[in-house]
Each structure stands twice: as structure tokens, then as C-alpha cells.
Amino acid sequence: MKNYIKILFILLFLPFVAIAQENDSTKVKEKLERSAFESAMLIDNPTNVLFNKNTLEVQMQHRFGEINGDQNDLAGLYGAANIRIALSYAILDRLTIGFGTTKDAWLQDFNWKVALLRQTRSNSMPVSVSYYGNMTVNARKSRTSTSYGFNNIQDRYSFFNQVIIAKRITPNVSFQIAPSISHFNQVDATMKNDMFAIAFGGRFKISPQTAIIFDYSQPLTQFDDNNPQPGISLGTEFSTSAHAFQIFITNNKGIVPQQNYMKNTNDFFNGDVLIGFNITRLYNF
């Protein structure tokens, strides 16, 4: 008799167990989609990628001389190069800060990136949205007080702000669009202090570690004279869990974004292109 009572008790209790499990399942945290890109940079523009908390990223960005320059410079490899070396650190899963130094104009940039929205696997949030910004100082040593046109320390400052909207369309195809504003405290008389622009970029995987990448940057603000050229870049990316290597051709040499948006004079379709590469390495602490 006691066994029948036990069985009856179990049968009466089962519906409540099922209801409790169903309620728990509705509270399961929705899974995030994998990052649209492997690296925090897509050739010349930042991506939406932020790394896990306590991750250190080491960056090296290199641009050789222009291919159509001196005929004896081996397609620009012997020409005047521009180099940027940088570090960035994820102090939170959604917040990264960094510092970089660039050869041309001795630019010292302090930068930050914040994840605002993240794409989910269920597509309830269809895109990822991140904000990237920097403050850059032109640190060239003046031989006289006006040798580089800097009368005040503020004349050396420039700023960049960009919203990055990215989507991982399929496991092999990713795309981003990124409106931005660049600001220089001091510019030539024919220029404006602010430049509105928009960038488009994409990544197409052709194997688990290899992808074709492209980046297009279009300045929108019109100057009185000598408007900057749009930036066009095309290349290949090789990546692992801790490394990303990008090699490409581009008409951008500035590396720091506002330099390219405000001051790029190279015409891609006139042959003013150069070879460049980006290398990143991750360290987890």
C-alpha cells in the first residue's frame, strides 16, 4: 500500500516539476553571436570587436611608400614608410582603452572603444553597435615656436569619433558601416575643422583561417579647395585564436583615422597606392 501512495505522490508532483522547468527555460540568457570580425581593425578602420576582460592586444601597423614613386624603390618597399605601434587593454568585457604612437607627425593617440549593443544568435538583436573614439597629439619637436604652425599646445590636438554598426550575416560573411566625425583644432585656411565621413567594410572567409577583406572610407564634408580623396583598401587576412595578420593595398597612409579622412591626397584610381600590413597579438591575463 505504501508503494502505491508513493507512486501516486510522484504522479501528482510531476506537473509542478514540468512547470518549474519550463519557467526556468524562459529565463535562460540569450546567446551572443560570434564577433563579425577577427581583429579590432579592418585595414584602416576600427571594427566592432572587443575582447574579454583582462585581454591585452598588441598592434603593429605598417605602410610602405607609394608604388608609383621612385622607380628604384622596389614597389615602395624601399620608400618612406609610416609605422604605428599600439597597445589596448580590455578593462571590462565591453570597454577597451589604448595608446598608440605613429611615425609620421609623431602622433600620440589615446583611444577607447565601447560595446553598446551586441548581435544575438536568435537575431532578436540583429546587429552589433560599438563606439570608438580617440584624442591625438602631434608631438613633433618644434625648432622654433612656429616651425610647424603650432602657436598653442591646443593646436596640436585632433579628435575622432565613430559609431560602428556591424553584422555577421553568415559564418563566412560579415559587413560593417561606420559614420564618423574628425576634428582638428588647427587646419589650413581652405579646410574646415570638422569632417563628416562614412566607411564601409567587409570580410569574406574562404577557409577557416583566411579571408578576403575590403574597406572604403568616404569623406562627406566639402572644403574650399583640395578635398581629401576617399580611402580604398583591399587585402587578405590570416587569423588564429590569438593572432591576426592583414596584408593589403591601399591609398591611405595616415594610419590614425582622422589623418586619412582629413588629409588623404592619394588617388587610388590614379595609381597612388601602397602596400601595407597589420599584425595583432592577444595576451590573456
Protein backbone atom coordinates (compact mmCIF):
# COMPACT_ATOMS: atom_id res chain seq x y z
CA MET A 1 0.00 0.00 0.00
CA LYS A 2 2.79 2.34 0.87
CA ASN A 3 4.31 1.84 -2.62
CA TYR A 4 1.05 2.87 -4.27
CA ILE A 5 0.94 6.01 -2.16
CA LYS A 6 4.49 6.85 -3.21
CA ILE A 7 3.68 6.35 -6.91
CA LEU A 8 0.54 8.50 -6.59
CA PHE A 9 2.54 11.24 -4.89
CA ILE A 10 5.13 11.21 -7.67
CA LEU A 11 2.45 11.40 -10.38
CA LEU A 12 0.78 14.35 -8.66
CA PHE A 13 4.10 16.15 -8.27
CA LEU A 14 5.36 15.72 -11.86
CA PRO A 15 3.23 18.53 -13.40
CA PHE A 16 4.69 21.03 -10.95
CA VAL A 17 8.22 19.90 -11.85
CA ALA A 18 7.45 20.37 -15.56
CA ILE A 19 6.04 23.84 -14.97
CA ALA A 20 9.10 24.84 -12.93
CA GLN A 21 11.47 23.60 -15.66
CA GLU A 22 9.51 25.49 -18.30
CA ASN A 23 9.72 28.70 -16.29
CA ASP A 24 13.45 28.21 -15.81
CA SER A 25 13.96 27.72 -19.56
CA THR A 26 12.39 31.10 -20.30
CA LYS A 27 14.99 32.70 -18.07
CA VAL A 28 17.99 31.26 -19.94
CA LYS A 29 20.28 34.06 -21.04
CA GLU A 30 20.22 34.57 -24.79
CA LYS A 31 23.45 33.62 -26.53
CA LEU A 32 25.50 36.27 -28.31
CA GLU A 33 26.54 35.84 -31.92
CA ARG A 34 30.24 35.39 -32.59
CA SER A 35 32.15 38.55 -33.49
CA ALA A 36 31.68 39.74 -37.05
CA PHE A 37 35.46 40.24 -37.43
CA GLU A 38 38.61 38.62 -36.08
CA SER A 39 40.64 41.78 -35.46
CA ALA A 40 39.89 45.09 -33.79
CA MET A 41 40.97 46.78 -37.06
CA LEU A 42 39.68 46.27 -40.59
CA ILE A 43 42.66 47.64 -42.56
CA ASP A 44 42.21 51.39 -41.88
CA ASN A 45 39.09 51.50 -39.69
CA PRO A 46 38.21 50.06 -36.27
CA THR A 47 35.78 47.13 -36.12
CA ASN A 48 33.15 46.33 -33.50
CA VAL A 49 35.43 43.73 -31.88
CA LEU A 50 36.05 44.00 -28.15
CA PHE A 51 37.94 41.28 -26.33
CA ASN A 52 37.25 39.61 -23.00
CA LYS A 53 38.12 41.41 -19.79
CA ASN A 54 41.87 41.48 -18.99
CA THR A 55 42.92 40.89 -22.61
CA LEU A 56 45.92 42.85 -23.89
CA GLU A 57 46.16 43.46 -27.63
CA VAL A 58 49.48 44.42 -29.23
CA GLN A 59 49.17 46.11 -32.63
CA MET A 60 51.70 46.89 -35.34
CA GLN A 61 50.54 48.74 -38.46
CA HIS A 62 52.95 49.39 -41.33
CA ARG A 63 52.56 51.32 -44.60
CA PHE A 64 55.34 51.25 -47.22
CA GLY A 65 55.99 54.02 -49.73
CA GLU A 66 53.79 54.58 -52.76
CA ILE A 67 54.16 52.03 -55.53
CA ASN A 68 54.23 54.69 -58.26
CA GLY A 69 57.00 56.61 -56.54
CA ASP A 70 60.72 56.28 -57.28
CA GLN A 71 61.20 53.53 -59.88
CA ASN A 72 64.11 52.12 -57.89
CA ASP A 73 62.28 51.70 -54.57
CA LEU A 74 61.02 48.15 -55.25
CA ALA A 75 57.28 48.96 -55.44
CA GLY A 76 57.53 51.24 -52.43
CA LEU A 77 59.27 48.76 -50.14
CA TYR A 78 62.37 50.97 -50.03
CA GLY A 79 60.32 54.18 -49.85
CA ALA A 80 59.44 56.28 -46.84
CA ALA A 81 57.30 54.13 -44.54
CA ASN A 82 54.77 55.01 -41.87
CA ILE A 83 54.50 52.84 -38.75
CA ARG A 84 52.17 52.72 -35.77
CA ILE A 85 52.74 50.58 -32.67
CA ALA A 86 49.95 50.37 -30.10
CA LEU A 87 48.58 48.59 -27.05
CA SER A 88 44.96 48.23 -25.98
CA TYR A 89 43.59 46.64 -22.82
CA ALA A 90 40.08 45.37 -22.07
CA ILE A 91 39.31 46.67 -18.59
CA LEU A 92 35.77 45.30 -19.00
CA ASP A 93 34.14 42.94 -21.48
CA ARG A 94 32.50 45.98 -23.08
CA LEU A 95 35.23 48.60 -22.61
CA THR A 96 38.76 48.80 -24.06
CA ILE A 97 41.28 51.61 -23.73
CA GLY A 98 44.54 52.01 -25.62
CA PHE A 99 47.55 54.07 -26.62
CA GLY A 100 49.48 54.22 -29.89
CA THR A 101 52.41 56.08 -31.40
CA THR A 102 52.79 56.81 -35.12
CA LYS A 103 55.94 57.72 -37.03
CA ASP A 104 54.52 60.42 -39.33
CA ALA A 105 54.00 63.68 -37.42
CA TRP A 106 54.94 61.87 -34.20
CA LEU A 107 51.27 61.28 -33.44
CA GLN A 108 50.41 60.02 -29.95
CA ASP A 109 46.84 58.71 -29.74
CA PHE A 110 44.78 57.80 -26.71
CA ASN A 111 41.78 55.70 -27.75
CA TRP A 112 38.78 53.88 -26.34
CA LYS A 113 36.05 51.54 -27.60
CA VAL A 114 32.70 50.68 -26.03
CA ALA A 115 30.23 47.93 -26.99
CA LEU A 116 26.73 49.45 -26.96
CA LEU A 117 24.70 46.60 -28.48
CA ARG A 118 25.61 43.02 -29.37
CA GLN A 119 24.18 40.81 -32.08
CA THR A 120 22.38 37.71 -30.77
CA ARG A 121 22.13 34.27 -32.34
CA SER A 122 18.33 34.41 -32.33
CA ASN A 123 18.51 37.72 -34.23
CA SER A 124 16.45 39.47 -31.55
CA MET A 125 19.29 42.00 -31.78
CA PRO A 126 20.24 41.86 -35.48
CA VAL A 127 23.42 43.97 -35.34
CA SER A 128 26.29 44.93 -33.05
CA VAL A 129 26.87 48.60 -32.32
CA SER A 130 30.13 49.95 -30.88
CA TYR A 131 31.57 53.41 -30.30
CA TYR A 132 35.23 54.22 -30.98
CA GLY A 133 36.98 57.47 -30.15
CA ASN A 134 40.46 58.91 -29.84
CA MET A 135 42.36 62.02 -28.86
CA THR A 136 45.60 62.52 -30.78
CA VAL A 137 48.53 64.84 -30.14
CA ASN A 138 51.02 65.94 -32.80
CA ALA A 139 54.25 65.68 -30.81
CA ARG A 140 56.78 66.90 -33.37
CA LYS A 141 59.53 68.84 -31.65
CA SER A 142 59.43 72.46 -32.78
CA ARG A 143 62.72 74.05 -33.74
CA THR A 144 61.09 77.45 -33.25
CA SER A 145 57.81 78.46 -31.70
CA THR A 146 56.08 78.46 -35.12
CA SER A 147 58.15 75.95 -37.09
CA TYR A 148 55.18 73.63 -37.52
CA GLY A 149 52.48 76.30 -37.18
CA PHE A 150 51.66 75.45 -33.57
CA ASN A 151 51.30 78.67 -31.58
CA ASN A 152 49.47 76.96 -28.71
CA ILE A 153 49.51 73.45 -27.28
CA GLN A 154 45.85 73.09 -28.26
CA ASP A 155 46.85 73.47 -31.93
CA ARG A 156 48.42 70.02 -31.75
CA TYR A 157 45.18 68.22 -30.82
CA SER A 158 42.81 66.27 -33.06
CA PHE A 159 39.85 64.04 -32.24
CA PHE A 160 37.94 61.19 -33.86
CA ASN A 161 34.53 59.74 -33.03
CA GLN A 162 32.90 56.83 -34.86
CA VAL A 163 29.84 54.61 -34.46
CA ILE A 164 30.39 51.10 -35.85
CA ILE A 165 27.35 49.08 -36.92
CA ALA A 166 28.38 45.51 -37.77
CA LYS A 167 26.59 42.31 -38.68
CA ARG A 168 27.73 38.72 -39.04
CA ILE A 169 25.45 37.81 -41.94
CA THR A 170 26.63 34.20 -42.25
CA PRO A 171 29.56 32.30 -40.69
CA ASN A 172 31.62 33.37 -43.73
CA VAL A 173 30.31 36.87 -44.49
CA SER A 174 30.46 39.97 -42.27
CA PHE A 175 29.82 43.63 -43.01
CA GLN A 176 30.02 46.95 -41.22
CA ILE A 177 29.04 50.57 -41.79
CA ALA A 178 30.60 53.34 -39.71
CA PRO A 179 29.69 57.04 -39.74
CA SER A 180 32.29 59.30 -38.14
CA ILE A 181 33.38 62.85 -37.39
CA SER A 182 37.00 64.02 -37.33
CA HIS A 183 38.10 67.29 -35.73
CA PHE A 184 41.40 69.18 -35.90
CA ASN A 185 41.89 72.21 -33.69
CA GLN A 186 44.08 73.81 -36.36
CA VAL A 187 43.72 73.39 -40.13
CA ASP A 188 44.75 75.21 -43.30
CA ALA A 189 42.66 78.19 -44.40
CA THR A 190 40.95 76.23 -47.21
CA MET A 191 39.91 73.39 -44.87
CA LYS A 192 37.23 73.05 -42.23
CA ASN A 193 37.89 71.92 -38.68
CA ASP A 194 35.34 69.11 -38.84
CA MET A 195 34.97 66.29 -41.35
CA PHE A 196 31.90 64.09 -41.50
CA ALA A 197 32.52 60.77 -43.23
CA ILE A 198 31.21 57.25 -43.64
CA ALA A 199 33.03 53.94 -44.03
CA PHE A 200 32.00 50.55 -45.39
CA GLY A 201 33.92 47.34 -44.81
CA GLY A 202 33.52 43.60 -45.20
CA ARG A 203 35.09 40.22 -44.68
CA PHE A 204 34.57 37.07 -46.76
CA LYS A 205 36.06 33.84 -45.36
CA ILE A 206 37.49 31.48 -47.95
CA SER A 207 38.87 29.00 -45.39
CA PRO A 208 38.75 28.65 -41.58
CA GLN A 209 41.82 30.92 -41.17
CA THR A 210 41.79 33.01 -44.37
CA ALA A 211 39.51 35.80 -45.56
CA ILE A 212 39.27 38.48 -48.25
CA ILE A 213 38.76 41.93 -46.68
CA PHE A 214 37.92 45.37 -48.01
CA ASP A 215 37.50 48.85 -46.56
CA TYR A 216 36.10 52.02 -48.16
CA SER A 217 36.11 55.45 -46.47
CA GLN A 218 34.17 58.35 -48.00
CA PRO A 219 34.71 61.92 -46.74
CA LEU A 220 31.46 63.92 -46.90
CA THR A 221 32.36 67.47 -45.85
CA GLN A 222 33.48 69.69 -48.72
CA PHE A 223 36.48 72.02 -48.35
CA ASP A 224 37.05 75.22 -50.31
CA ASP A 225 39.95 73.53 -52.10
CA ASN A 226 41.87 70.22 -52.19
CA ASN A 227 39.16 67.91 -50.89
CA PRO A 228 40.55 64.65 -49.45
CA GLN A 229 40.37 61.52 -51.55
CA PRO A 230 38.23 58.54 -50.49
CA GLY A 231 40.18 55.69 -48.94
CA ILE A 232 40.05 52.37 -50.78
CA SER A 233 41.70 49.22 -49.43
CA LEU A 234 41.63 45.56 -50.45
CA GLY A 235 43.54 42.68 -48.92
CA THR A 236 43.74 39.28 -47.25
CA GLU A 237 43.54 38.33 -43.58
CA PHE A 238 45.09 35.29 -41.89
CA SER A 239 43.92 34.68 -38.33
CA THR A 240 44.18 32.27 -35.40
CA SER A 241 42.72 32.46 -31.90
CA ALA A 242 45.46 34.86 -30.77
CA HIS A 243 46.86 36.37 -33.99
CA ALA A 244 45.56 38.31 -36.98
CA PHE A 245 47.68 39.29 -39.97
CA GLN A 246 46.31 41.54 -42.72
CA ILE A 247 48.20 42.41 -45.90
CA PHE A 248 46.65 44.76 -48.44
CA ILE A 249 46.94 47.56 -50.97
CA THR A 250 45.54 50.96 -50.02
CA ASN A 251 45.76 54.64 -50.84
CA ASN A 252 45.69 55.60 -47.15
CA LYS A 253 49.00 56.24 -45.42
CA GLY A 254 47.92 58.15 -42.32
CA ILE A 255 47.01 55.08 -40.17
CA VAL A 256 45.36 57.26 -37.48
CA PRO A 257 41.79 57.58 -38.82
CA GLN A 258 41.40 61.38 -38.80
CA GLN A 259 44.64 61.76 -40.77
CA ASN A 260 43.16 59.65 -43.55
CA TYR A 261 39.73 61.28 -43.56
CA MET A 262 41.04 64.87 -43.48
CA LYS A 263 44.36 64.76 -45.33
CA ASN A 264 44.47 61.86 -47.79
CA THR A 265 45.66 63.21 -51.18
CA ASN A 266 46.33 59.83 -52.85
CA ASP A 267 44.02 58.97 -55.75
CA PHE A 268 43.55 55.19 -55.82
CA PHE A 269 42.48 55.17 -59.48
CA ASN A 270 45.50 57.26 -60.46
CA GLY A 271 47.82 54.59 -59.10
CA ASP A 272 48.61 56.35 -55.82
CA VAL A 273 48.59 53.10 -53.85
CA LEU A 274 50.89 51.44 -51.37
CA ILE A 275 51.35 48.07 -49.69
CA GLY A 276 50.55 47.77 -46.02
CA PHE A 277 50.07 45.23 -43.28
CA ASN A 278 48.54 45.00 -39.80
CA ILE A 279 49.64 42.49 -37.15
CA THR A 280 47.83 41.93 -33.84
CA ARG A 281 48.63 39.58 -30.97
CA LEU A 282 46.42 38.86 -27.96
CA TYR A 283 47.55 38.07 -24.40
CA ASN A 284 45.06 36.95 -21.74
CA PHE A 285 45.65 37.67 -18.06
